[in-house]
PDB file of N, CA and C in Angstrom:
ATOM      1  N   MET A   1     -16.394 108.972  19.066  1.00  0.00           N
ATOM      2  CA  MET A   1     -16.327 109.825  19.879  1.00  0.00           C
ATOM      3  C   MET A   1     -16.439 111.460  19.421  1.00  0.00           C
ATOM      4  N   ARG A   2     -17.561 112.000  19.286  1.00  0.00           N
ATOM      5  CA  ARG A   2     -17.569 113.538  18.449  1.00  0.00           C
ATOM      6  C   ARG A   2     -16.546 114.068  19.084  1.00  0.00           C
ATOM      7  N   SER A   3     -15.774 115.017  18.225  1.00  0.00           N
ATOM      8  CA  SER A   3     -14.675 116.007  18.423  1.00  0.00           C
ATOM      9  C   SER A   3     -15.406 117.067  19.214  1.00  0.00           C
ATOM     10  N   PHE A   4     -16.307 117.496  19.693  1.00  0.00           N
ATOM     11  CA  PHE A   4     -17.057 118.730  20.029  1.00  0.00           C
ATOM     12  C   PHE A   4     -16.843 118.585  21.909  1.00  0.00           C
ATOM     13  N   ARG A   5     -17.319 116.584  22.029  1.00  0.00           N
ATOM     14  CA  ARG A   5     -17.121 116.169  23.597  1.00  0.00           C
ATOM     15  C   ARG A   5     -15.576 116.691  24.176  1.00  0.00           C
ATOM     16  N   VAL A   6     -14.696 116.101  23.256  1.00  0.00           N
ATOM     17  CA  VAL A   6     -13.266 116.341  23.433  1.00  0.00           C
ATOM     18  C   VAL A   6     -12.964 117.482  23.527  1.00  0.00           C
ATOM     19  N   PHE A   7     -12.883 118.619  22.162  1.00  0.00           N
ATOM     20  CA  PHE A   7     -12.344 119.267  22.706  1.00  0.00           C
ATOM     21  C   PHE A   7     -13.486 120.770  22.914  1.00  0.00           C
ATOM     22  N   ASN A   8     -13.506 120.879  23.548  1.00  0.00           N
ATOM     23  CA  ASN A   8     -14.926 122.267  23.589  1.00  0.00           C
ATOM     24  C   ASN A   8     -15.291 123.679  22.828  1.00  0.00           C
ATOM     25  N   ASN A   9     -13.474 124.087  22.452  1.00  0.00           N
ATOM     26  CA  ASN A   9     -13.682 125.527  21.898  1.00  0.00           C
ATOM     27  C   ASN A   9     -13.363 125.209  20.578  1.00  0.00           C
ATOM     28  N   ILE A  10     -13.623 124.006  19.557  1.00  0.00           N
ATOM     29  CA  ILE A  10     -13.254 124.080  18.289  1.00  0.00           C
ATOM     30  C   ILE A  10     -13.910 123.868  17.468  1.00  0.00           C
ATOM     31  N   ASP A  11     -14.670 124.249  16.798  1.00  0.00           N
ATOM     32  CA  ASP A  11     -15.984 123.975  15.555  1.00  0.00           C
ATOM     33  C   ASP A  11     -15.173 124.151  14.227  1.00  0.00           C
ATOM     34  N   ARG A  12     -13.817 123.886  14.377  1.00  0.00           N
ATOM     35  CA  ARG A  12     -13.243 123.740  12.519  1.00  0.00           C
ATOM     36  C   ARG A  12     -11.646 123.535  12.653  1.00  0.00           C
ATOM     37  N   VAL A  13     -11.607 122.603  11.526  1.00  0.00           N
ATOM     38  CA  VAL A  13     -10.396 121.820  11.586  1.00  0.00           C
ATOM     39  C   VAL A  13     -10.152 122.116  10.062  1.00  0.00           C
ATOM     40  N   ASP A  14      -8.807 122.902   9.644  1.00  0.00           N
ATOM     41  CA  ASP A  14      -7.914 122.985   8.626  1.00  0.00           C
ATOM     42  C   ASP A  14      -7.729 121.329   8.257  1.00  0.00           C
ATOM     43  N   VAL A  15      -7.527 121.280   6.900  1.00  0.00           N
ATOM     44  CA  VAL A  15      -6.501 119.959   6.579  1.00  0.00           C
ATOM     45  C   VAL A  15      -5.605 120.538   6.054  1.00  0.00           C
ATOM     46  N   GLU A  16      -4.551 120.056   6.850  1.00  0.00           N
ATOM     47  CA  GLU A  16      -2.768 120.298   5.481  1.00  0.00           C
ATOM     48  C   GLU A  16      -2.374 119.189   5.504  1.00  0.00           C
ATOM     49  N   TRP A  17      -1.605 119.356   4.516  1.00  0.00           N
ATOM     50  CA  TRP A  17      -0.534 117.953   3.546  1.00  0.00           C
ATOM     51  C   TRP A  17       1.083 118.996   3.387  1.00  0.00           C
ATOM     52  N   MET A  18       1.513 117.986   4.193  1.00  0.00           N
ATOM     53  CA  MET A  18       3.394 118.506   3.896  1.00  0.00           C
ATOM     54  C   MET A  18       3.287 117.957   2.196  1.00  0.00           C
ATOM     55  N   ILE A  19       3.706 118.537   1.600  1.00  0.00           N
ATOM     56  CA  ILE A  19       4.416 118.132   0.600  1.00  0.00           C
ATOM     57  C   ILE A  19       5.527 119.103   0.372  1.00  0.00           C
ATOM     58  N   LEU A  20       6.734 118.532  -0.381  1.00  0.00           N
ATOM     59  CA  LEU A  20       7.777 119.248  -0.442  1.00  0.00           C
ATOM     60  C   LEU A  20       8.519 119.885   1.015  1.00  0.00           C
ATOM     61  N   GLY A  21       8.245 119.389   1.845  1.00  0.00           N
ATOM     62  CA  GLY A  21       8.312 120.122   3.097  1.00  0.00           C
ATOM     63  C   GLY A  21       7.492 121.693   3.461  1.00  0.00           C
ATOM     64  N   LEU A  22       6.648 121.974   2.711  1.00  0.00           N
ATOM     65  CA  LEU A  22       5.980 122.744   2.583  1.00  0.00           C
ATOM     66  C   LEU A  22       4.507 122.849   3.290  1.00  0.00           C
ATOM     67  N   ARG A  23       3.560 123.233   4.148  1.00  0.00           N
ATOM     68  CA  ARG A  23       2.245 123.031   4.618  1.00  0.00           C
ATOM     69  C   ARG A  23       1.597 123.844   3.675  1.00  0.00           C
ATOM     70  N   TRP A  24       0.794 122.836   3.116  1.00  0.00           N
ATOM     71  CA  TRP A  24      -0.522 123.176   1.993  1.00  0.00           C
ATOM     72  C   TRP A  24      -1.881 123.123   3.156  1.00  0.00           C
ATOM     73  N   ARG A  25      -2.518 124.207   2.692  1.00  0.00           N
ATOM     74  CA  ARG A  25      -4.123 123.988   3.141  1.00  0.00           C
ATOM     75  C   ARG A  25      -4.616 124.091   1.789  1.00  0.00           C
ATOM     76  N   LEU A  26      -6.085 124.194   1.884  1.00  0.00           N
ATOM     77  CA  LEU A  26      -7.450 124.221   0.495  1.00  0.00           C
ATOM     78  C   LEU A  26      -6.617 125.640   0.332  1.00  0.00           C
ATOM     79  N   PRO A  27      -6.991 126.275   0.411  1.00  0.00           N
ATOM     80  CA  PRO A  27      -6.000 127.849  -0.105  1.00  0.00           C
ATOM     81  C   PRO A  27      -5.318 127.666  -1.222  1.00  0.00           C
ATOM     82  N   ALA A  28      -4.082 127.236  -0.872  1.00  0.00           N
ATOM     83  CA  ALA A  28      -3.093 126.761  -1.604  1.00  0.00           C
ATOM     84  C   ALA A  28      -3.287 125.601  -2.889  1.00  0.00           C
ATOM     85  N   MET A  29      -3.941 124.874  -2.012  1.00  0.00           N
ATOM     86  CA  MET A  29      -3.575 123.020  -3.164  1.00  0.00           C
ATOM     87  C   MET A  29      -4.808 123.810  -3.952  1.00  0.00           C
ATOM     88  N   VAL A  30      -6.215 124.611  -3.618  1.00  0.00           N
ATOM     89  CA  VAL A  30      -6.750 125.149  -4.911  1.00  0.00           C
ATOM     90  C   VAL A  30      -6.114 126.040  -6.004  1.00  0.00           C
ATOM     91  N   ALA A  31      -4.821 126.994  -5.248  1.00  0.00           N
ATOM     92  CA  ALA A  31      -4.118 127.703  -6.350  1.00  0.00           C
ATOM     93  C   ALA A  31      -3.630 127.071  -7.148  1.00  0.00           C
ATOM     94  N   LEU A  32      -2.954 125.664  -6.591  1.00  0.00           N
ATOM     95  CA  LEU A  32      -2.297 124.801  -7.655  1.00  0.00           C
ATOM     96  C   LEU A  32      -2.916 124.365  -8.654  1.00  0.00           C
ATOM     97  N   ILE A  33      -4.441 123.700  -7.953  1.00  0.00           N
ATOM     98  CA  ILE A  33      -4.657 122.788  -8.980  1.00  0.00           C
ATOM     99  C   ILE A  33      -5.433 123.768  -9.834  1.00  0.00           C
ATOM    100  N   SER A  34      -5.841 125.280  -9.429  1.00  0.00           N
ATOM    101  CA  SER A  34      -6.186 126.274 -11.245  1.00  0.00           C
ATOM    102  C   SER A  34      -5.109 126.684 -11.538  1.00  0.00           C
ATOM    103  N   THR A  35      -3.785 125.945 -10.698  1.00  0.00           N
ATOM    104  CA  THR A  35      -2.780 126.359 -12.424  1.00  0.00           C
ATOM    105  C   THR A  35      -2.426 125.194 -13.185  1.00  0.00           C
ATOM    106  N   ILE A  36      -3.093 124.417 -12.951  1.00  0.00           N
ATOM    107  CA  ILE A  36      -3.200 123.130 -13.640  1.00  0.00           C
ATOM    108  C   ILE A  36      -4.426 123.270 -14.925  1.00  0.00           C
ATOM    109  N   PHE A  37      -5.354 123.979 -14.366  1.00  0.00           N
ATOM    110  CA  PHE A  37      -6.277 124.099 -15.045  1.00  0.00           C
ATOM    111  C   PHE A  37      -6.458 125.326 -16.161  1.00  0.00           C
ATOM    112  N   ALA A  38      -5.636 125.965 -16.079  1.00  0.00           N
ATOM    113  CA  ALA A  38      -5.199 127.437 -16.622  1.00  0.00           C
ATOM    114  C   ALA A  38      -4.404 126.682 -17.514  1.00  0.00           C
ATOM    115  N   GLY A  39      -3.169 126.108 -17.105  1.00  0.00           N
ATOM    116  CA  GLY A  39      -2.568 125.241 -18.536  1.00  0.00           C
ATOM    117  C   GLY A  39      -2.923 124.508 -19.358  1.00  0.00           C
ATOM    118  N   LEU A  40      -4.433 123.615 -19.118  1.00  0.00           N
ATOM    119  CA  LEU A  40      -4.825 123.177 -20.283  1.00  0.00           C
ATOM    120  C   LEU A  40      -5.845 124.049 -21.112  1.00  0.00           C
ATOM    121  N   ILE A  41      -6.190 125.238 -20.039  1.00  0.00           N
ATOM    122  CA  ILE A  41      -7.065 125.949 -20.793  1.00  0.00           C
ATOM    123  C   ILE A  41      -6.347 126.456 -22.463  1.00  0.00           C
ATOM    124  N   VAL A  42      -5.075 127.374 -21.671  1.00  0.00           N
ATOM    125  CA  VAL A  42      -4.386 127.681 -22.699  1.00  0.00           C
ATOM    126  C   VAL A  42      -3.586 127.163 -23.857  1.00  0.00           C
ATOM    127  N   TYR A  43      -3.538 125.085 -23.300  1.00  0.00           N
ATOM    128  CA  TYR A  43      -3.302 124.564 -24.540  1.00  0.00           C
ATOM    129  C   TYR A  43      -4.596 124.333 -25.059  1.00  0.00           C
ATOM    130  N   MET A  44      -5.674 124.392 -25.020  1.00  0.00           N
ATOM    131  CA  MET A  44      -6.881 124.206 -25.792  1.00  0.00           C
ATOM    132  C   MET A  44      -6.913 125.276 -26.805  1.00  0.00           C
ATOM    133  N   VAL A  45      -6.828 126.363 -26.088  1.00  0.00           N
ATOM    134  CA  VAL A  45      -6.774 127.631 -27.144  1.00  0.00           C
ATOM    135  C   VAL A  45      -5.624 127.952 -28.316  1.00  0.00           C
ATOM    136  N   SER A  46      -4.318 127.862 -27.874  1.00  0.00           N
ATOM    137  CA  SER A  46      -3.126 126.968 -28.587  1.00  0.00           C
ATOM    138  C   SER A  46      -2.511 125.943 -28.576  1.00  0.00           C
ATOM    139  N   ASN A  47      -1.265 125.608 -27.920  1.00  0.00           N
ATOM    140  CA  ASN A  47      -0.509 124.856 -28.273  1.00  0.00           C
ATOM    141  C   ASN A  47       0.041 124.468 -26.946  1.00  0.00           C
ATOM    142  N   ALA A  48       1.026 122.919 -27.461  1.00  0.00           N
ATOM    143  CA  ALA A  48       1.185 122.829 -25.747  1.00  0.00           C
ATOM    144  C   ALA A  48       2.538 124.012 -25.795  1.00  0.00           C
ATOM    145  N   TRP A  49       3.609 124.528 -26.705  1.00  0.00           N
ATOM    146  CA  TRP A  49       4.655 125.089 -26.615  1.00  0.00           C
ATOM    147  C   TRP A  49       4.049 126.446 -26.174  1.00  0.00           C
ATOM    148  N   VAL A  50       3.412 127.046 -25.600  1.00  0.00           N
ATOM    149  CA  VAL A  50       2.385 128.037 -24.898  1.00  0.00           C
ATOM    150  C   VAL A  50       2.043 127.676 -23.991  1.00  0.00           C
ATOM    151  N   ALA A  51       1.801 126.633 -23.778  1.00  0.00           N
ATOM    152  CA  ALA A  51       0.713 125.786 -22.448  1.00  0.00           C
ATOM    153  C   ALA A  51       1.746 125.549 -21.428  1.00  0.00           C
ATOM    154  N   VAL A  52       2.507 124.596 -21.763  1.00  0.00           N
ATOM    155  CA  VAL A  52       3.554 124.114 -20.575  1.00  0.00           C
ATOM    156  C   VAL A  52       4.826 125.129 -19.709  1.00  0.00           C
ATOM    157  N   PRO A  53       5.260 125.998 -20.536  1.00  0.00           N
ATOM    158  CA  PRO A  53       5.365 127.190 -20.055  1.00  0.00           C
ATOM    159  C   PRO A  53       4.646 128.113 -18.891  1.00  0.00           C
ATOM    160  N   VAL A  54       3.540 128.330 -19.532  1.00  0.00           N
ATOM    161  CA  VAL A  54       2.811 129.010 -18.857  1.00  0.00           C
ATOM    162  C   VAL A  54       2.297 128.477 -17.511  1.00  0.00           C
ATOM    163  N   GLY A  55       1.967 126.998 -17.359  1.00  0.00           N
ATOM    164  CA  GLY A  55       1.872 126.243 -16.598  1.00  0.00           C
ATOM    165  C   GLY A  55       3.015 125.939 -15.528  1.00  0.00           C
ATOM    166  N   LEU A  56       4.079 126.112 -16.598  1.00  0.00           N
ATOM    167  CA  LEU A  56       5.321 125.804 -15.216  1.00  0.00           C
ATOM    168  C   LEU A  56       5.436 127.354 -14.825  1.00  0.00           C
ATOM    169  N   ILE A  57       5.277 128.519 -15.349  1.00  0.00           N
ATOM    170  CA  ILE A  57       5.481 129.983 -14.796  1.00  0.00           C
ATOM    171  C   ILE A  57       4.270 129.779 -13.503  1.00  0.00           C
ATOM    172  N   LEU A  58       3.416 129.837 -13.560  1.00  0.00           N
ATOM    173  CA  LEU A  58       2.363 129.994 -12.633  1.00  0.00           C
ATOM    174  C   LEU A  58       2.008 128.622 -11.834  1.00  0.00           C
ATOM    175  N   ALA A  59       2.642 127.579 -11.821  1.00  0.00           N
ATOM    176  CA  ALA A  59       2.766 126.629 -10.782  1.00  0.00           C
ATOM    177  C   ALA A  59       4.125 126.843  -9.710  1.00  0.00           C
ATOM    178  N   PHE A  60       5.231 127.732 -10.281  1.00  0.00           N
ATOM    179  CA  PHE A  60       6.447 128.189  -9.918  1.00  0.00           C
ATOM    180  C   PHE A  60       6.148 129.350  -9.211  1.00  0.00           C
ATOM    181  N   GLY A  61       5.077 130.503  -9.700  1.00  0.00           N
ATOM    182  CA  GLY A  61       4.534 131.356  -8.597  1.00  0.00           C
ATOM    183  C   GLY A  61       3.616 130.812  -7.404  1.00  0.00           C
ATOM    184  N   VAL A  62       2.892 129.498  -7.236  1.00  0.00           N
ATOM    185  CA  VAL A  62       2.324 129.501  -6.283  1.00  0.00           C
ATOM    186  C   VAL A  62       3.240 128.550  -5.186  1.00  0.00           C
ATOM    187  N   LEU A  63       4.455 127.679  -6.241  1.00  0.00           N
ATOM    188  CA  LEU A  63       5.438 127.450  -5.264  1.00  0.00           C
ATOM    189  C   LEU A  63       5.760 128.838  -3.881  1.00  0.00           C
ATOM    190  N   HIS A  64       6.246 129.941  -5.092  1.00  0.00           N
ATOM    191  CA  HIS A  64       6.703 130.638  -4.260  1.00  0.00           C
ATOM    192  C   HIS A  64       6.152 131.221  -2.987  1.00  0.00           C
ATOM    193  N   ILE A  65       5.471 131.677  -3.516  1.00  0.00           N
ATOM    194  CA  ILE A  65       4.334 132.184  -2.861  1.00  0.00           C
ATOM    195  C   ILE A  65       3.876 131.457  -1.176  1.00  0.00           C
ATOM    196  N   VAL A  66       3.520 130.012  -1.621  1.00  0.00           N
ATOM    197  CA  VAL A  66       3.341 129.560  -0.483  1.00  0.00           C
ATOM    198  C   VAL A  66       4.380 128.943   0.834  1.00  0.00           C
ATOM    199  N   ARG A  67       5.768 129.467  -0.442  1.00  0.00           N
ATOM    200  CA  ARG A  67       7.066 128.934   0.667  1.00  0.00           C
ATOM    201  C   ARG A  67       7.318 130.212   1.225  1.00  0.00           C
ATOM    202  N   TRP A  68       6.973 131.014   0.816  1.00  0.00           N
ATOM    203  CA  TRP A  68       6.901 132.529   1.705  1.00  0.00           C
ATOM    204  C   TRP A  68       6.213 132.601   2.807  1.00  0.00           C
ATOM    205  N   ILE A  69       4.621 132.593   2.563  1.00  0.00           N
ATOM    206  CA  ILE A  69       3.832 132.105   3.594  1.00  0.00           C
ATOM    207  C   ILE A  69       4.408 131.320   4.649  1.00  0.00           C
ATOM    208  N   ASN A  70       5.415 130.226   4.278  1.00  0.00           N
ATOM    209  CA  ASN A  70       5.442 128.964   5.287  1.00  0.00           C
ATOM    210  C   ASN A  70       6.283 129.497   5.869  1.00  0.00           C
ATOM    211  N   GLY A  71       7.158 130.438   5.348  1.00  0.00           N
ATOM    212  CA  GLY A  71       8.241 131.325   6.128  1.00  0.00           C
ATOM    213  C   GLY A  71       8.295 132.485   7.767  1.00  0.00           C
ATOM    214  N   MET A  72       6.738 132.966   6.634  1.00  0.00           N
ATOM    215  CA  MET A  72       6.158 133.901   7.999  1.00  0.00           C
ATOM    216  C   MET A  72       6.065 133.748   8.766  1.00  0.00           C
ATOM    217  N   ASP A  73       5.104 132.627   8.365  1.00  0.00           N
ATOM    218  CA  ASP A  73       4.625 132.207  10.141  1.00  0.00           C
ATOM    219  C   ASP A  73       4.479 129.771   9.931  1.00  0.00           C
ATOM    220  N   PRO A  74       6.069 129.815  10.826  1.00  0.00           N
ATOM    221  CA  PRO A  74       6.398 128.391  10.532  1.00  0.00           C
ATOM    222  C   PRO A  74       5.170 127.476  11.088  1.00  0.00           C
ATOM    223  N   GLN A  75       4.770 127.510  12.429  1.00  0.00           N
ATOM    224  CA  GLN A  75       3.804 127.133  13.230  1.00  0.00           C
ATOM    225  C   GLN A  75       2.257 126.966  12.256  1.00  0.00           C
ATOM    226  N   GLY A  76       2.106 127.468  11.743  1.00  0.00           N
ATOM    227  CA  GLY A  76       0.985 128.017  11.143  1.00  0.00           C
ATOM    228  C   GLY A  76      -0.422 128.116  11.718  1.00  0.00           C
ATOM    229  N   VAL A  77      -0.512 129.235  12.208  1.00  0.00           N
ATOM    230  CA  VAL A  77      -1.144 129.357  13.035  1.00  0.00           C
ATOM    231  C   VAL A  77      -2.491 130.386  12.139  1.00  0.00           C
ATOM    232  N   LEU A  78      -1.594 131.407  11.682  1.00  0.00           N
ATOM    233  CA  LEU A  78      -2.960 132.224  10.869  1.00  0.00           C
ATOM    234  C   LEU A  78      -3.140 131.499   9.311  1.00  0.00           C
ATOM    235  N   HIS A  79      -4.201 131.936   9.248  1.00  0.00           N
ATOM    236  CA  HIS A  79      -4.271 131.329   7.686  1.00  0.00           C
ATOM    237  C   HIS A  79      -3.657 132.413   6.434  1.00  0.00           C
ATOM    238  N   GLU A  80      -3.862 131.427   5.482  1.00  0.00           N
ATOM    239  CA  GLU A  80      -3.011 132.156   4.055  1.00  0.00           C
ATOM    240  C   GLU A  80      -3.831 133.426   3.857  1.00  0.00           C
ATOM    241  N   PHE A  81      -4.820 133.814   3.743  1.00  0.00           N
ATOM    242  CA  PHE A  81      -5.532 135.273   3.860  1.00  0.00           C
ATOM    243  C   PHE A  81      -5.575 136.431   4.493  1.00  0.00           C
ATOM    244  N   THR A  82      -5.541 135.528   5.883  1.00  0.00           N
ATOM    245  CA  THR A  82      -4.573 136.762   6.390  1.00  0.00           C
ATOM    246  C   THR A  82      -3.357 136.741   6.719  1.00  0.00           C
ATOM    247  N   GLN A  83      -2.432 135.984   6.070  1.00  0.00           N
ATOM    248  CA  GLN A  83      -1.165 136.151   6.468  1.00  0.00           C
ATOM    249  C   GLN A  83      -1.190 137.340   4.347  1.00  0.00           C
ATOM    250  N   LEU A  84      -1.760 137.099   3.315  1.00  0.00           N
ATOM    251  CA  LEU A  84      -1.820 137.606   2.049  1.00  0.00           C
ATOM    252  C   LEU A  84      -1.882 139.498   2.408  1.00  0.00           C
ATOM    253  N   GLY A  85      -3.192 139.052   3.488  1.00  0.00           N
ATOM    254  CA  GLY A  85      -3.543 141.155   3.826  1.00  0.00           C
ATOM    255  C   GLY A  85      -2.484 141.534   4.344  1.00  0.00           C
ATOM    256  N   LEU A  86      -2.461 140.402   5.357  1.00  0.00           N
ATOM    257  CA  LEU A  86      -0.895 141.696   6.292  1.00  0.00           C
ATOM    258  C   LEU A  86       0.184 141.235   5.330  1.00  0.00           C
ATOM    259  N   ILE A  87       0.529 141.301   4.133  1.00  0.00           N
ATOM    260  CA  ILE A  87       1.210 141.397   3.139  1.00  0.00           C
ATOM    261  C   ILE A  87       1.188 142.608   2.238  1.00  0.00           C
ATOM    262  N   LEU A  88      -0.081 142.425   2.455  1.00  0.00           N
ATOM    263  CA  LEU A  88      -0.716 143.631   0.875  1.00  0.00           C
ATOM    264  C   LEU A  88      -0.725 145.031   2.316  1.00  0.00           C
ATOM    265  N   ARG A  89      -1.162 144.683   3.019  1.00  0.00           N
ATOM    266  CA  ARG A  89      -1.475 146.248   3.969  1.00  0.00           C
ATOM    267  C   ARG A  89       0.495 146.368   4.191  1.00  0.00           C
ATOM    268  N   THR A  90       1.251 145.442   4.413  1.00  0.00           N
ATOM    269  CA  THR A  90       2.649 146.127   4.721  1.00  0.00           C
ATOM    270  C   THR A  90       3.416 147.148   3.518  1.00  0.00           C
ATOM    271  N   THR A  91       2.687 146.610   1.686  1.00  0.00           N
ATOM    272  CA  THR A  91       3.308 146.931   0.944  1.00  0.00           C
ATOM    273  C   THR A  91       2.723 147.835   0.539  1.00  0.00           C
ATOM    274  N   ARG A  92       1.399 148.589   1.134  1.00  0.00           N
ATOM    275  CA  ARG A  92       1.138 149.908   0.944  1.00  0.00           C
ATOM    276  C   ARG A  92       1.369 150.713   1.731  1.00  0.00           C
ATOM    277  N   ARG A  93       1.453 150.428   3.153  1.00  0.00           N
ATOM    278  CA  ARG A  93       1.944 151.631   4.091  1.00  0.00           C
ATOM    279  C   ARG A  93       2.855 150.724   4.948  1.00  0.00           C
ATOM    280  N   PRO A  94       3.918 150.653   4.562  1.00  0.00           N
ATOM    281  CA  PRO A  94       5.742 150.117   5.268  1.00  0.00           C
ATOM    282  C   PRO A  94       5.275 150.313   7.147  1.00  0.00           C
ATOM    283  N   VAL A  95       5.251 151.462   7.601  1.00  0.00           N
ATOM    284  CA  VAL A  95       5.434 152.488   8.379  1.00  0.00           C
ATOM    285  C   VAL A  95       3.826 152.997   9.136  1.00  0.00           C
ATOM    286  N   ILE A  96       3.715 152.051  10.155  1.00  0.00           N
ATOM    287  CA  ILE A  96       2.747 152.426  11.294  1.00  0.00           C
ATOM    288  C   ILE A  96       2.770 152.734  12.729  1.00  0.00           C
ATOM    289  N   ASN A  97       2.307 153.974  13.009  1.00  0.00           N
ATOM    290  CA  ASN A  97       2.971 154.075  14.499  1.00  0.00           C
ATOM    291  C   ASN A  97       1.507 155.030  15.526  1.00  0.00           C
ATOM    292  N   ASN A  98       1.365 154.498  17.049  1.00  0.00           N
ATOM    293  CA  ASN A  98       0.088 154.847  16.965  1.00  0.00           C
ATOM    294  C   ASN A  98      -0.090 155.843  17.672  1.00  0.00           C
ATOM    295  N   THR A  99       0.486 156.789  16.570  1.00  0.00           N
ATOM    296  CA  THR A  99      -0.175 158.242  16.813  1.00  0.00           C
ATOM    297  C   THR A  99      -1.066 158.667  15.693  1.00  0.00           C
ATOM    298  N   GLY A 100      -1.077 157.691  14.217  1.00  0.00           N
ATOM    299  CA  GLY A 100      -1.770 158.310  13.354  1.00  0.00           C
ATOM    300  C   GLY A 100      -1.054 159.110  12.207  1.00  0.00           C
ATOM    301  N   ARG A 101      -0.086 159.408  12.482  1.00  0.00           N
ATOM    302  CA  ARG A 101       0.998 160.038  11.548  1.00  0.00           C
ATOM    303  C   ARG A 101       1.828 159.252  10.991  1.00  0.00           C
ATOM    304  N   ARG A 102       2.727 159.563  10.033  1.00  0.00           N
ATOM    305  CA  ARG A 102       3.934 158.846   9.356  1.00  0.00           C
ATOM    306  C   ARG A 102       5.051 159.970  10.053  1.00  0.00           C
TER     307      ARG A 102
END
């Protein structure tokens, strides 16, 4: 049976993985895999003593951001790009009111 016959208003379903107790969707997984490729590129340019710390720092950075995003939205309602946009918007302008003045 096709999904559009059962669920009328659903046109897209995101794939989610639960790894290390965190919810991983496609953007987060692509970011983690790209850190592996960045470590390989640094290894080809220099050596392993430089590439391993660079890869680990980037991977832990991605893990920290994914943990932060999952903490913001435990149910997983918002998309990662929406959450990152909200984070950037609140860091640029931390006080917003309805009058348009600060």
